[in-house]
Amino acid sequence: TNRSHAFNFRERAPIAANATMYAGRPLAARFGALAVGVPGELRGLHLVHDLYGKLPWREVVLPAVLLAEKGFFVDKELARSLRSISPTFTDPLYKSVWDVFAPNGRIVEEGDRLVRPKLAATLRQVMLHGADVFYDGDIATALVNDIRQAGGIVSEVDMQSYYAERQPTQRSWFRGAQVLGARPPASGSAVLATMLNIYDGYPATGVAEDVVAHRMIEAMKFAF
């Protein structure tokens, strides 16, 4: 069709967010409930399906429901990641995390089967009723209560008012090729365009591989 679109379903700051909420506590912007934004992925995926989906929504979501119900084997990377945050095992703020990943009081290890019954129940509701059931109703209320009990500021109004957007793409060019990406607030397209513009100032052929790598690394450094 010679048309392109990008979908913006990033998390959003809660209505109660303000410019000084992290003053004097910068780590709170990265860790803990105050860092939690309004989730957008499910709303975005549902919008994409509404516009372009070929299969019924229930058929698309069912495999995720079954995976959560039947469980999956913990792989090496997940086990490593869990070990890296194991010092939080006794931290009350991480109780909900360890309720999932240490269901019997022991952190799961590589090769263990991990079953997610609560996630499966939520996904089954999403499968049957669509994304709205996540953003307005019992699931949203439970999610907001958990966040606020841990010190966050997401509200039910935040959940109910969240919407995903289909937007025109941001376009740039590199050596005759058109490069498409998402517009701000997504940063990837602007960063990529900057990298390619820097790199475009150098010859494309007749250059040693280590020089190519060096130039690309430097371009990335300046872009970021």
N, C-alpha and C. Protein backbone atom coordinates (compact mmCIF):
# COMPACT_ATOMS: atom_id res chain seq x y z
N THR A 1 0.81 -1.21 0.00
CA THR A 1 0.00 0.00 0.00
C THR A 1 0.85 1.27 0.00
N ASN A 2 2.14 1.12 0.18
CA ASN A 2 3.07 2.26 0.23
C ASN A 2 2.75 3.20 1.40
N ARG A 3 2.14 2.67 2.44
CA ARG A 3 1.86 3.43 3.64
C ARG A 3 2.46 2.72 4.84
N SER A 4 2.84 3.47 5.83
CA SER A 4 3.41 2.86 7.03
C SER A 4 2.88 3.59 8.26
N HIS A 5 2.74 2.84 9.33
CA HIS A 5 2.28 3.41 10.59
C HIS A 5 3.10 2.80 11.73
N ALA A 6 3.18 3.54 12.80
CA ALA A 6 3.78 3.04 14.03
C ALA A 6 2.73 3.11 15.13
N PHE A 7 2.86 2.25 16.11
CA PHE A 7 1.90 2.23 17.21
C PHE A 7 2.59 2.65 18.50
N ASN A 8 2.01 3.63 19.16
CA ASN A 8 2.54 4.10 20.43
C ASN A 8 1.69 3.54 21.55
N PHE A 9 2.24 2.57 22.26
CA PHE A 9 1.56 2.08 23.46
C PHE A 9 2.56 1.94 24.60
N ARG A 10 3.41 2.96 24.67
CA ARG A 10 4.33 3.04 25.80
C ARG A 10 3.55 3.24 27.10
N GLU A 11 4.24 2.92 28.21
CA GLU A 11 3.65 3.26 29.50
C GLU A 11 3.55 4.78 29.62
N ARG A 12 2.60 5.25 30.41
CA ARG A 12 2.45 6.69 30.62
C ARG A 12 2.57 7.02 32.10
N ALA A 13 3.00 8.23 32.36
CA ALA A 13 3.08 8.68 33.75
C ALA A 13 1.67 8.81 34.32
N PRO A 14 1.48 8.43 35.57
CA PRO A 14 0.17 8.60 36.21
C PRO A 14 -0.22 10.07 36.29
N ILE A 15 -1.50 10.34 36.41
CA ILE A 15 -1.99 11.71 36.53
C ILE A 15 -1.35 12.43 37.71
N ALA A 16 -1.09 11.69 38.78
CA ALA A 16 -0.54 12.31 39.99
C ALA A 16 0.96 12.56 39.91
N ALA A 17 1.61 12.16 38.82
CA ALA A 17 3.05 12.39 38.68
C ALA A 17 3.34 13.89 38.61
N ASN A 18 4.51 14.28 39.11
CA ASN A 18 4.90 15.69 39.07
C ASN A 18 6.41 15.82 38.91
N ALA A 19 6.86 17.02 38.64
CA ALA A 19 8.26 17.26 38.27
C ALA A 19 9.23 17.03 39.42
N THR A 20 8.77 17.02 40.65
CA THR A 20 9.69 16.91 41.79
C THR A 20 9.54 15.59 42.54
N MET A 21 8.79 14.66 41.99
CA MET A 21 8.49 13.43 42.74
C MET A 21 9.72 12.57 43.01
N TYR A 22 10.79 12.76 42.25
CA TYR A 22 12.01 11.99 42.48
C TYR A 22 13.13 12.85 43.07
N ALA A 23 12.82 14.06 43.44
CA ALA A 23 13.84 14.95 44.00
C ALA A 23 14.41 14.36 45.29
N GLY A 24 15.72 14.24 45.33
CA GLY A 24 16.39 13.70 46.51
C GLY A 24 16.37 12.19 46.60
N ARG A 25 15.73 11.53 45.67
CA ARG A 25 15.69 10.06 45.66
C ARG A 25 15.68 9.55 44.22
N PRO A 26 16.75 9.76 43.50
CA PRO A 26 16.79 9.42 42.07
C PRO A 26 16.55 7.94 41.78
N LEU A 27 16.92 7.06 42.69
CA LEU A 27 16.73 5.63 42.44
C LEU A 27 15.25 5.26 42.41
N ALA A 28 14.41 6.10 43.01
CA ALA A 28 12.97 5.83 43.00
C ALA A 28 12.39 5.93 41.60
N ALA A 29 13.13 6.57 40.68
CA ALA A 29 12.68 6.63 39.29
C ALA A 29 12.93 5.33 38.55
N ARG A 30 13.70 4.43 39.15
CA ARG A 30 14.05 3.17 38.51
C ARG A 30 13.57 1.95 39.27
N PHE A 31 13.50 2.07 40.58
CA PHE A 31 13.16 0.91 41.40
C PHE A 31 11.99 1.24 42.32
N GLY A 32 11.12 0.26 42.53
CA GLY A 32 10.01 0.44 43.44
C GLY A 32 8.74 0.90 42.75
N ALA A 33 7.67 0.96 43.52
CA ALA A 33 6.34 1.21 42.95
C ALA A 33 6.17 2.62 42.41
N LEU A 34 6.96 3.58 42.91
CA LEU A 34 6.83 4.94 42.41
C LEU A 34 7.34 5.07 40.97
N ALA A 35 8.11 4.09 40.53
CA ALA A 35 8.61 4.08 39.16
C ALA A 35 7.63 3.46 38.17
N VAL A 36 6.53 2.92 38.68
CA VAL A 36 5.58 2.21 37.83
C VAL A 36 4.70 3.19 37.07
N GLY A 37 4.64 3.02 35.75
CA GLY A 37 3.75 3.81 34.92
C GLY A 37 2.49 3.03 34.58
N VAL A 38 1.61 3.68 33.85
CA VAL A 38 0.36 3.03 33.42
C VAL A 38 0.69 2.10 32.26
N PRO A 39 0.43 0.80 32.39
CA PRO A 39 0.84 -0.16 31.36
C PRO A 39 0.05 0.00 30.06
N GLY A 40 0.73 -0.13 28.93
CA GLY A 40 0.06 0.09 27.66
C GLY A 40 0.10 -1.05 26.66
N GLU A 41 0.94 -2.05 26.92
CA GLU A 41 1.18 -3.07 25.91
C GLU A 41 -0.09 -3.80 25.49
N LEU A 42 -0.90 -4.19 26.44
CA LEU A 42 -2.09 -4.96 26.10
C LEU A 42 -3.07 -4.13 25.26
N ARG A 43 -3.25 -2.86 25.64
CA ARG A 43 -4.12 -1.98 24.87
C ARG A 43 -3.58 -1.83 23.45
N GLY A 44 -2.26 -1.71 23.31
CA GLY A 44 -1.65 -1.56 22.00
C GLY A 44 -1.80 -2.80 21.13
N LEU A 45 -1.56 -3.96 21.72
CA LEU A 45 -1.68 -5.20 20.95
C LEU A 45 -3.13 -5.41 20.49
N HIS A 46 -4.06 -5.03 21.35
CA HIS A 46 -5.47 -5.18 20.98
C HIS A 46 -5.84 -4.25 19.84
N LEU A 47 -5.28 -3.04 19.85
CA LEU A 47 -5.53 -2.10 18.76
C LEU A 47 -4.95 -2.61 17.44
N VAL A 48 -3.72 -3.13 17.50
CA VAL A 48 -3.10 -3.69 16.29
C VAL A 48 -3.95 -4.83 15.74
N HIS A 49 -4.45 -5.68 16.64
CA HIS A 49 -5.28 -6.80 16.20
C HIS A 49 -6.59 -6.29 15.60
N ASP A 50 -7.20 -5.29 16.22
CA ASP A 50 -8.45 -4.75 15.69
C ASP A 50 -8.28 -4.24 14.26
N LEU A 51 -7.13 -3.64 13.99
CA LEU A 51 -6.91 -3.01 12.69
C LEU A 51 -6.39 -3.98 11.64
N TYR A 52 -5.55 -4.92 12.06
CA TYR A 52 -4.86 -5.75 11.08
C TYR A 52 -4.95 -7.25 11.34
N GLY A 53 -5.56 -7.65 12.44
CA GLY A 53 -5.56 -9.07 12.78
C GLY A 53 -6.36 -9.92 11.80
N LYS A 54 -5.85 -11.11 11.54
CA LYS A 54 -6.53 -12.06 10.65
C LYS A 54 -7.22 -13.17 11.44
N LEU A 55 -6.60 -13.60 12.52
CA LEU A 55 -7.17 -14.66 13.35
C LEU A 55 -8.06 -14.05 14.43
N PRO A 56 -9.02 -14.82 14.94
CA PRO A 56 -9.83 -14.33 16.06
C PRO A 56 -8.95 -14.03 17.28
N TRP A 57 -9.31 -13.00 18.03
CA TRP A 57 -8.54 -12.61 19.22
C TRP A 57 -8.36 -13.79 20.17
N ARG A 58 -9.41 -14.56 20.39
CA ARG A 58 -9.30 -15.69 21.32
C ARG A 58 -8.25 -16.69 20.86
N GLU A 59 -8.18 -16.92 19.56
CA GLU A 59 -7.20 -17.86 19.04
C GLU A 59 -5.77 -17.34 19.20
N VAL A 60 -5.62 -16.04 19.13
CA VAL A 60 -4.30 -15.43 19.28
C VAL A 60 -3.81 -15.52 20.73
N VAL A 61 -4.71 -15.32 21.69
CA VAL A 61 -4.32 -15.26 23.09
C VAL A 61 -4.24 -16.63 23.75
N LEU A 62 -4.97 -17.60 23.24
CA LEU A 62 -5.05 -18.92 23.87
C LEU A 62 -3.68 -19.55 24.14
N PRO A 63 -2.71 -19.53 23.22
CA PRO A 63 -1.42 -20.15 23.53
C PRO A 63 -0.74 -19.56 24.77
N ALA A 64 -0.91 -18.25 25.00
CA ALA A 64 -0.33 -17.64 26.20
C ALA A 64 -1.03 -18.14 27.45
N VAL A 65 -2.35 -18.32 27.37
CA VAL A 65 -3.11 -18.85 28.49
C VAL A 65 -2.62 -20.26 28.85
N LEU A 66 -2.48 -21.09 27.84
CA LEU A 66 -2.06 -22.48 28.08
C LEU A 66 -0.64 -22.56 28.61
N LEU A 67 0.23 -21.67 28.11
CA LEU A 67 1.61 -21.66 28.59
C LEU A 67 1.66 -21.31 30.07
N ALA A 68 0.87 -20.33 30.48
CA ALA A 68 0.84 -19.95 31.88
C ALA A 68 0.21 -21.04 32.74
N GLU A 69 -0.82 -21.71 32.22
CA GLU A 69 -1.49 -22.76 32.99
C GLU A 69 -0.63 -24.00 33.14
N LYS A 70 0.00 -24.42 32.05
CA LYS A 70 0.77 -25.67 32.07
C LYS A 70 2.20 -25.46 32.55
N GLY A 71 2.66 -24.22 32.44
CA GLY A 71 4.01 -23.91 32.89
C GLY A 71 5.04 -24.10 31.81
N PHE A 72 6.24 -23.65 32.12
CA PHE A 72 7.38 -23.76 31.20
C PHE A 72 8.63 -24.01 32.01
N PHE A 73 9.66 -24.51 31.34
CA PHE A 73 10.91 -24.79 32.03
C PHE A 73 11.78 -23.54 32.10
N VAL A 74 12.29 -23.27 33.27
CA VAL A 74 13.15 -22.11 33.48
C VAL A 74 14.45 -22.30 32.70
N ASP A 75 14.78 -21.33 31.88
CA ASP A 75 16.02 -21.45 31.10
C ASP A 75 17.19 -20.80 31.83
N LYS A 76 18.35 -20.91 31.25
CA LYS A 76 19.58 -20.44 31.88
C LYS A 76 19.53 -18.94 32.15
N GLU A 77 19.02 -18.17 31.19
CA GLU A 77 19.02 -16.72 31.33
C GLU A 77 18.06 -16.26 32.42
N LEU A 78 16.87 -16.84 32.49
CA LEU A 78 15.93 -16.47 33.55
C LEU A 78 16.51 -16.82 34.91
N ALA A 79 17.12 -17.98 35.03
CA ALA A 79 17.72 -18.38 36.30
C ALA A 79 18.82 -17.41 36.70
N ARG A 80 19.64 -16.99 35.74
CA ARG A 80 20.71 -16.03 36.03
C ARG A 80 20.14 -14.70 36.49
N SER A 81 19.09 -14.25 35.81
CA SER A 81 18.46 -12.98 36.17
C SER A 81 17.89 -13.01 37.58
N LEU A 82 17.26 -14.11 37.93
CA LEU A 82 16.69 -14.24 39.27
C LEU A 82 17.78 -14.26 40.34
N ARG A 83 18.88 -14.93 40.04
CA ARG A 83 20.00 -14.93 41.00
C ARG A 83 20.53 -13.52 41.23
N SER A 84 20.51 -12.72 40.16
CA SER A 84 21.08 -11.37 40.27
C SER A 84 20.25 -10.47 41.19
N ILE A 85 18.96 -10.77 41.36
CA ILE A 85 18.13 -9.96 42.27
C ILE A 85 17.79 -10.71 43.55
N SER A 86 18.47 -11.81 43.80
CA SER A 86 18.18 -12.60 45.00
C SER A 86 18.36 -11.84 46.31
N PRO A 87 19.22 -10.78 46.37
CA PRO A 87 19.29 -10.02 47.63
C PRO A 87 17.98 -9.36 48.04
N THR A 88 17.03 -9.26 47.10
CA THR A 88 15.72 -8.65 47.43
C THR A 88 14.73 -9.69 47.97
N PHE A 89 15.18 -10.91 48.18
CA PHE A 89 14.27 -12.00 48.53
C PHE A 89 13.44 -11.71 49.77
N THR A 90 14.02 -11.03 50.73
CA THR A 90 13.31 -10.75 51.98
C THR A 90 12.75 -9.32 52.03
N ASP A 91 12.88 -8.59 50.93
CA ASP A 91 12.38 -7.21 50.87
C ASP A 91 10.88 -7.23 50.63
N PRO A 92 10.09 -6.63 51.51
CA PRO A 92 8.63 -6.64 51.34
C PRO A 92 8.16 -6.06 50.01
N LEU A 93 8.92 -5.10 49.46
CA LEU A 93 8.53 -4.50 48.20
C LEU A 93 8.56 -5.50 47.05
N TYR A 94 9.32 -6.57 47.21
CA TYR A 94 9.47 -7.56 46.14
C TYR A 94 8.67 -8.83 46.43
N LYS A 95 7.78 -8.76 47.42
CA LYS A 95 7.04 -9.96 47.78
C LYS A 95 6.28 -10.55 46.60
N SER A 96 5.63 -9.69 45.80
CA SER A 96 4.84 -10.20 44.68
C SER A 96 5.72 -10.86 43.64
N VAL A 97 6.96 -10.39 43.50
CA VAL A 97 7.91 -11.02 42.56
C VAL A 97 8.25 -12.43 43.03
N TRP A 98 8.58 -12.53 44.30
CA TRP A 98 9.02 -13.84 44.80
C TRP A 98 7.86 -14.79 45.04
N ASP A 99 6.65 -14.27 45.17
CA ASP A 99 5.48 -15.16 45.20
C ASP A 99 5.38 -15.94 43.88
N VAL A 100 5.85 -15.31 42.81
CA VAL A 100 5.82 -15.96 41.49
C VAL A 100 7.04 -16.83 41.28
N PHE A 101 8.22 -16.29 41.56
CA PHE A 101 9.46 -16.98 41.18
C PHE A 101 10.10 -17.78 42.32
N ALA A 102 9.47 -17.77 43.47
CA ALA A 102 9.87 -18.66 44.56
C ALA A 102 8.61 -19.20 45.22
N PRO A 103 7.79 -19.92 44.45
CA PRO A 103 6.45 -20.29 44.93
C PRO A 103 6.45 -21.18 46.16
N ASN A 104 7.51 -21.92 46.40
CA ASN A 104 7.58 -22.81 47.56
C ASN A 104 8.64 -22.37 48.55
N GLY A 105 8.96 -21.07 48.51
CA GLY A 105 9.98 -20.56 49.41
C GLY A 105 11.39 -20.76 48.89
N ARG A 106 11.52 -21.26 47.67
CA ARG A 106 12.83 -21.47 47.06
C ARG A 106 12.81 -20.87 45.66
N ILE A 107 13.84 -20.06 45.36
CA ILE A 107 13.92 -19.44 44.05
C ILE A 107 14.09 -20.53 42.99
N VAL A 108 13.27 -20.47 41.96
CA VAL A 108 13.35 -21.50 40.92
C VAL A 108 14.71 -21.46 40.24
N GLU A 109 15.13 -22.60 39.75
CA GLU A 109 16.43 -22.74 39.11
C GLU A 109 16.25 -23.28 37.69
N GLU A 110 17.34 -23.24 36.94
CA GLU A 110 17.30 -23.74 35.57
C GLU A 110 16.78 -25.18 35.54
N GLY A 111 15.82 -25.43 34.67
CA GLY A 111 15.24 -26.76 34.53
C GLY A 111 13.97 -26.97 35.33
N ASP A 112 13.68 -26.08 36.29
CA ASP A 112 12.44 -26.18 37.04
C ASP A 112 11.25 -25.81 36.15
N ARG A 113 10.10 -26.41 36.41
CA ARG A 113 8.89 -26.00 35.71
C ARG A 113 8.22 -24.88 36.52
N LEU A 114 7.92 -23.79 35.85
CA LEU A 114 7.29 -22.64 36.50
C LEU A 114 5.87 -22.50 35.97
N VAL A 115 4.90 -22.58 36.86
CA VAL A 115 3.48 -22.45 36.50
C VAL A 115 2.99 -21.10 37.01
N ARG A 116 2.16 -20.42 36.19
CA ARG A 116 1.69 -19.07 36.54
C ARG A 116 0.15 -19.06 36.60
N PRO A 117 -0.45 -19.61 37.63
CA PRO A 117 -1.92 -19.72 37.66
C PRO A 117 -2.64 -18.37 37.68
N LYS A 118 -2.12 -17.38 38.43
CA LYS A 118 -2.78 -16.08 38.47
C LYS A 118 -2.69 -15.38 37.12
N LEU A 119 -1.53 -15.47 36.50
CA LEU A 119 -1.38 -14.88 35.16
C LEU A 119 -2.30 -15.58 34.17
N ALA A 120 -2.40 -16.89 34.29
CA ALA A 120 -3.28 -17.64 33.39
C ALA A 120 -4.73 -17.18 33.55
N ALA A 121 -5.16 -16.95 34.79
CA ALA A 121 -6.54 -16.51 35.02
C ALA A 121 -6.78 -15.13 34.41
N THR A 122 -5.80 -14.24 34.54
CA THR A 122 -5.92 -12.91 33.96
C THR A 122 -5.96 -12.99 32.44
N LEU A 123 -5.06 -13.78 31.87
CA LEU A 123 -5.02 -13.91 30.41
C LEU A 123 -6.29 -14.55 29.87
N ARG A 124 -6.87 -15.45 30.62
CA ARG A 124 -8.11 -16.07 30.16
C ARG A 124 -9.23 -15.03 30.09
N GLN A 125 -9.27 -14.14 31.06
CA GLN A 125 -10.26 -13.06 31.01
C GLN A 125 -10.01 -12.14 29.82
N VAL A 126 -8.73 -11.85 29.56
CA VAL A 126 -8.37 -11.02 28.41
C VAL A 126 -8.77 -11.73 27.12
N MET A 127 -8.55 -13.03 27.07
CA MET A 127 -8.91 -13.81 25.89
C MET A 127 -10.42 -13.74 25.63
N LEU A 128 -11.20 -13.82 26.69
CA LEU A 128 -12.65 -13.87 26.55
C LEU A 128 -13.28 -12.50 26.33
N HIS A 129 -12.68 -11.46 26.92
CA HIS A 129 -13.35 -10.16 26.95
C HIS A 129 -12.53 -9.02 26.33
N GLY A 130 -11.33 -9.31 25.86
CA GLY A 130 -10.52 -8.26 25.25
C GLY A 130 -9.77 -7.42 26.26
N ALA A 131 -9.08 -6.38 25.77
CA ALA A 131 -8.22 -5.57 26.63
C ALA A 131 -8.99 -4.77 27.66
N ASP A 132 -10.25 -4.43 27.38
CA ASP A 132 -11.02 -3.60 28.32
C ASP A 132 -11.09 -4.20 29.71
N VAL A 133 -11.10 -5.53 29.80
CA VAL A 133 -11.24 -6.19 31.09
C VAL A 133 -10.01 -5.95 31.97
N PHE A 134 -8.89 -5.63 31.35
CA PHE A 134 -7.66 -5.35 32.10
C PHE A 134 -7.63 -3.92 32.63
N TYR A 135 -8.25 -3.01 31.89
CA TYR A 135 -8.14 -1.58 32.20
C TYR A 135 -9.32 -1.02 33.00
N ASP A 136 -10.40 -1.75 33.10
CA ASP A 136 -11.57 -1.25 33.81
C ASP A 136 -12.32 -2.42 34.41
N GLY A 137 -12.22 -2.57 35.73
CA GLY A 137 -12.89 -3.68 36.38
C GLY A 137 -12.06 -4.25 37.50
N ASP A 138 -12.34 -5.49 37.88
CA ASP A 138 -11.70 -6.11 39.04
C ASP A 138 -10.19 -6.24 38.87
N ILE A 139 -9.73 -6.57 37.66
CA ILE A 139 -8.29 -6.74 37.45
C ILE A 139 -7.58 -5.42 37.64
N ALA A 140 -8.12 -4.35 37.06
CA ALA A 140 -7.52 -3.02 37.20
C ALA A 140 -7.52 -2.58 38.66
N THR A 141 -8.61 -2.84 39.36
CA THR A 141 -8.69 -2.46 40.77
C THR A 141 -7.64 -3.18 41.59
N ALA A 142 -7.49 -4.49 41.37
CA ALA A 142 -6.50 -5.27 42.12
C ALA A 142 -5.09 -4.79 41.81
N LEU A 143 -4.82 -4.49 40.54
CA LEU A 143 -3.49 -4.01 40.15
C LEU A 143 -3.18 -2.68 40.81
N VAL A 144 -4.13 -1.76 40.75
CA VAL A 144 -3.94 -0.44 41.36
C VAL A 144 -3.74 -0.56 42.87
N ASN A 145 -4.51 -1.41 43.52
CA ASN A 145 -4.35 -1.59 44.97
C ASN A 145 -2.96 -2.09 45.32
N ASP A 146 -2.45 -3.05 44.55
CA ASP A 146 -1.10 -3.58 44.81
C ASP A 146 -0.06 -2.48 44.64
N ILE A 147 -0.18 -1.70 43.57
CA ILE A 147 0.80 -0.64 43.30
C ILE A 147 0.77 0.41 44.40
N ARG A 148 -0.41 0.82 44.80
CA ARG A 148 -0.53 1.89 45.79
C ARG A 148 -0.11 1.42 47.18
N GLN A 149 -0.38 0.16 47.51
CA GLN A 149 0.07 -0.37 48.79
C GLN A 149 1.59 -0.40 48.88
N ALA A 150 2.24 -0.50 47.72
CA ALA A 150 3.71 -0.53 47.69
C ALA A 150 4.31 0.87 47.55
N GLY A 151 3.45 1.90 47.52
CA GLY A 151 3.96 3.27 47.45
C GLY A 151 3.85 3.94 46.11
N GLY A 152 3.16 3.31 45.14
CA GLY A 152 3.00 3.90 43.82
C GLY A 152 1.81 4.84 43.75
N ILE A 153 1.62 5.47 42.59
CA ILE A 153 0.57 6.48 42.47
C ILE A 153 -0.37 6.23 41.29
N VAL A 154 -0.28 5.07 40.65
CA VAL A 154 -1.20 4.74 39.57
C VAL A 154 -2.61 4.62 40.13
N SER A 155 -3.59 5.17 39.43
CA SER A 155 -4.97 5.14 39.90
C SER A 155 -5.86 4.40 38.91
N GLU A 156 -7.08 4.12 39.33
CA GLU A 156 -8.04 3.48 38.44
C GLU A 156 -8.40 4.39 37.28
N VAL A 157 -8.41 5.70 37.52
CA VAL A 157 -8.67 6.65 36.43
C VAL A 157 -7.55 6.57 35.39
N ASP A 158 -6.30 6.42 35.84
CA ASP A 158 -5.18 6.25 34.92
C ASP A 158 -5.41 5.04 34.02
N MET A 159 -5.82 3.95 34.63
CA MET A 159 -6.05 2.72 33.87
C MET A 159 -7.18 2.90 32.87
N GLN A 160 -8.29 3.45 33.33
CA GLN A 160 -9.47 3.59 32.48
C GLN A 160 -9.23 4.54 31.30
N SER A 161 -8.38 5.53 31.49
CA SER A 161 -8.20 6.56 30.46
C SER A 161 -7.05 6.25 29.50
N TYR A 162 -6.35 5.14 29.72
CA TYR A 162 -5.21 4.83 28.83
C TYR A 162 -5.71 4.48 27.43
N TYR A 163 -5.03 4.99 26.43
CA TYR A 163 -5.34 4.62 25.05
C TYR A 163 -4.05 4.48 24.25
N ALA A 164 -4.07 3.61 23.27
CA ALA A 164 -2.94 3.44 22.35
C ALA A 164 -3.22 4.25 21.09
N GLU A 165 -2.15 4.60 20.37
CA GLU A 165 -2.29 5.45 19.19
C GLU A 165 -1.61 4.83 17.97
N ARG A 166 -2.25 4.95 16.83
CA ARG A 166 -1.60 4.66 15.55
C ARG A 166 -1.14 5.99 14.98
N GLN A 167 0.14 6.07 14.65
CA GLN A 167 0.73 7.34 14.22
C GLN A 167 1.47 7.16 12.90
N PRO A 168 1.64 8.25 12.17
CA PRO A 168 2.54 8.20 11.00
C PRO A 168 3.96 7.89 11.47
N THR A 169 4.72 7.27 10.62
CA THR A 169 6.09 6.93 10.99
C THR A 169 7.01 8.13 10.80
N GLN A 170 8.14 8.08 11.49
CA GLN A 170 9.22 9.03 11.25
C GLN A 170 10.11 8.44 10.16
N ARG A 171 10.43 9.24 9.14
CA ARG A 171 11.19 8.75 8.00
C ARG A 171 12.54 9.43 7.94
N SER A 172 13.55 8.65 7.62
CA SER A 172 14.88 9.18 7.34
C SER A 172 15.46 8.36 6.19
N TRP A 173 16.62 8.78 5.71
CA TRP A 173 17.23 8.11 4.56
C TRP A 173 18.68 7.78 4.85
N PHE A 174 19.11 6.65 4.32
CA PHE A 174 20.51 6.26 4.45
C PHE A 174 20.95 5.58 3.16
N ARG A 175 21.80 6.27 2.43
CA ARG A 175 22.38 5.74 1.19
C ARG A 175 21.31 5.18 0.26
N GLY A 176 20.26 5.97 0.07
CA GLY A 176 19.22 5.60 -0.87
C GLY A 176 18.11 4.74 -0.32
N ALA A 177 18.27 4.29 0.91
CA ALA A 177 17.25 3.45 1.53
C ALA A 177 16.42 4.28 2.51
N GLN A 178 15.12 4.06 2.49
CA GLN A 178 14.24 4.75 3.42
C GLN A 178 14.20 3.99 4.74
N VAL A 179 14.37 4.70 5.84
CA VAL A 179 14.37 4.10 7.18
C VAL A 179 13.13 4.60 7.92
N LEU A 180 12.31 3.67 8.39
CA LEU A 180 11.06 4.00 9.06
C LEU A 180 11.13 3.64 10.54
N GLY A 181 10.48 4.44 11.35
CA GLY A 181 10.45 4.14 12.77
C GLY A 181 9.38 4.94 13.47
N ALA A 182 9.31 4.80 14.78
CA ALA A 182 8.30 5.48 15.57
C ALA A 182 8.73 6.91 15.88
N ARG A 183 7.75 7.80 15.97
CA ARG A 183 8.01 9.19 16.33
C ARG A 183 8.15 9.34 17.84
N PRO A 184 8.68 10.49 18.30
CA PRO A 184 8.73 10.73 19.74
C PRO A 184 7.33 10.59 20.35
N PRO A 185 7.23 10.09 21.61
CA PRO A 185 8.32 10.02 22.59
C PRO A 185 9.27 8.85 22.43
N ALA A 186 9.02 7.94 21.50
CA ALA A 186 10.00 6.89 21.24
C ALA A 186 11.29 7.55 20.74
N SER A 187 12.43 7.09 21.23
CA SER A 187 13.70 7.73 20.89
C SER A 187 14.49 6.96 19.84
N GLY A 188 14.11 5.72 19.55
CA GLY A 188 14.93 4.87 18.69
C GLY A 188 15.14 5.42 17.31
N SER A 189 14.10 5.98 16.68
CA SER A 189 14.22 6.46 15.31
C SER A 189 15.18 7.64 15.22
N ALA A 190 15.08 8.57 16.15
CA ALA A 190 15.96 9.73 16.14
C ALA A 190 17.41 9.33 16.38
N VAL A 191 17.61 8.40 17.31
CA VAL A 191 18.97 7.93 17.60
C VAL A 191 19.54 7.20 16.40
N LEU A 192 18.75 6.33 15.79
CA LEU A 192 19.22 5.58 14.62
C LEU A 192 19.55 6.52 13.47
N ALA A 193 18.69 7.52 13.22
CA ALA A 193 18.94 8.46 12.14
C ALA A 193 20.24 9.23 12.38
N THR A 194 20.49 9.61 13.62
CA THR A 194 21.73 10.31 13.95
C THR A 194 22.94 9.43 13.68
N MET A 195 22.87 8.17 14.12
CA MET A 195 23.97 7.23 13.88
C MET A 195 24.25 7.08 12.38
N LEU A 196 23.19 6.88 11.61
CA LEU A 196 23.37 6.66 10.17
C LEU A 196 23.87 7.91 9.47
N ASN A 197 23.43 9.08 9.92
CA ASN A 197 23.92 10.33 9.33
C ASN A 197 25.42 10.50 9.57
N ILE A 198 25.87 10.16 10.77
CA ILE A 198 27.31 10.22 11.07
C ILE A 198 28.07 9.23 10.20
N TYR A 199 27.54 8.01 10.16
CA TYR A 199 28.23 6.95 9.42
C TYR A 199 28.24 7.22 7.92
N ASP A 200 27.26 7.96 7.44
CA ASP A 200 27.16 8.23 6.01
C ASP A 200 28.31 9.11 5.51
N GLY A 201 29.01 9.75 6.43
CA GLY A 201 30.14 10.59 6.03
C GLY A 201 31.40 9.82 5.72
N TYR A 202 31.36 8.51 5.87
CA TYR A 202 32.53 7.68 5.62
C TYR A 202 32.28 6.77 4.42
N PRO A 203 33.34 6.35 3.73
CA PRO A 203 33.16 5.48 2.56
C PRO A 203 32.54 4.14 2.94
N ALA A 204 31.76 3.58 2.01
CA ALA A 204 31.05 2.34 2.28
C ALA A 204 31.88 1.11 1.94
N THR A 205 32.92 1.25 1.14
CA THR A 205 33.72 0.10 0.71
C THR A 205 35.20 0.40 0.89
N GLY A 206 35.98 -0.68 0.80
CA GLY A 206 37.42 -0.54 0.86
C GLY A 206 37.96 -0.17 2.22
N VAL A 207 37.24 -0.54 3.28
CA VAL A 207 37.66 -0.19 4.64
C VAL A 207 37.79 -1.48 5.45
N ALA A 208 38.86 -1.56 6.24
CA ALA A 208 39.08 -2.74 7.07
C ALA A 208 37.96 -2.91 8.09
N GLU A 209 37.68 -4.17 8.44
CA GLU A 209 36.56 -4.45 9.35
C GLU A 209 36.72 -3.77 10.70
N ASP A 210 37.95 -3.70 11.21
CA ASP A 210 38.12 -3.08 12.52
C ASP A 210 37.85 -1.58 12.46
N VAL A 211 38.15 -0.95 11.32
CA VAL A 211 37.85 0.48 11.16
C VAL A 211 36.34 0.69 11.06
N VAL A 212 35.66 -0.20 10.35
CA VAL A 212 34.20 -0.13 10.25
C VAL A 212 33.58 -0.23 11.64
N ALA A 213 34.05 -1.19 12.42
CA ALA A 213 33.52 -1.37 13.77
C ALA A 213 33.79 -0.14 14.63
N HIS A 214 35.01 0.40 14.52
CA HIS A 214 35.36 1.57 15.32
C HIS A 214 34.45 2.76 14.98
N ARG A 215 34.22 2.99 13.70
CA ARG A 215 33.38 4.12 13.30
C ARG A 215 31.94 3.94 13.76
N MET A 216 31.44 2.72 13.66
CA MET A 216 30.08 2.47 14.10
C MET A 216 29.95 2.68 15.62
N ILE A 217 30.94 2.23 16.37
CA ILE A 217 30.90 2.42 17.81
C ILE A 217 30.91 3.90 18.17
N GLU A 218 31.76 4.67 17.49
CA GLU A 218 31.83 6.10 17.76
C GLU A 218 30.52 6.80 17.37
N ALA A 219 29.93 6.38 16.27
CA ALA A 219 28.64 6.95 15.85
C ALA A 219 27.58 6.68 16.90
N MET A 220 27.58 5.47 17.46
CA MET A 220 26.61 5.12 18.50
C MET A 220 26.82 5.96 19.75
N LYS A 221 28.09 6.18 20.08
CA LYS A 221 28.39 6.98 21.27
C LYS A 221 27.85 8.40 21.14
N PHE A 222 28.08 9.01 19.96
CA PHE A 222 27.61 10.39 19.77
C PHE A 222 26.08 10.44 19.71
N ALA A 223 25.46 9.44 19.10
CA ALA A 223 23.99 9.43 18.97
C ALA A 223 23.32 9.30 20.33
N PHE A 224 23.88 8.44 21.17
CA PHE A 224 23.28 8.24 22.47
C PHE A 224 23.68 9.32 23.46
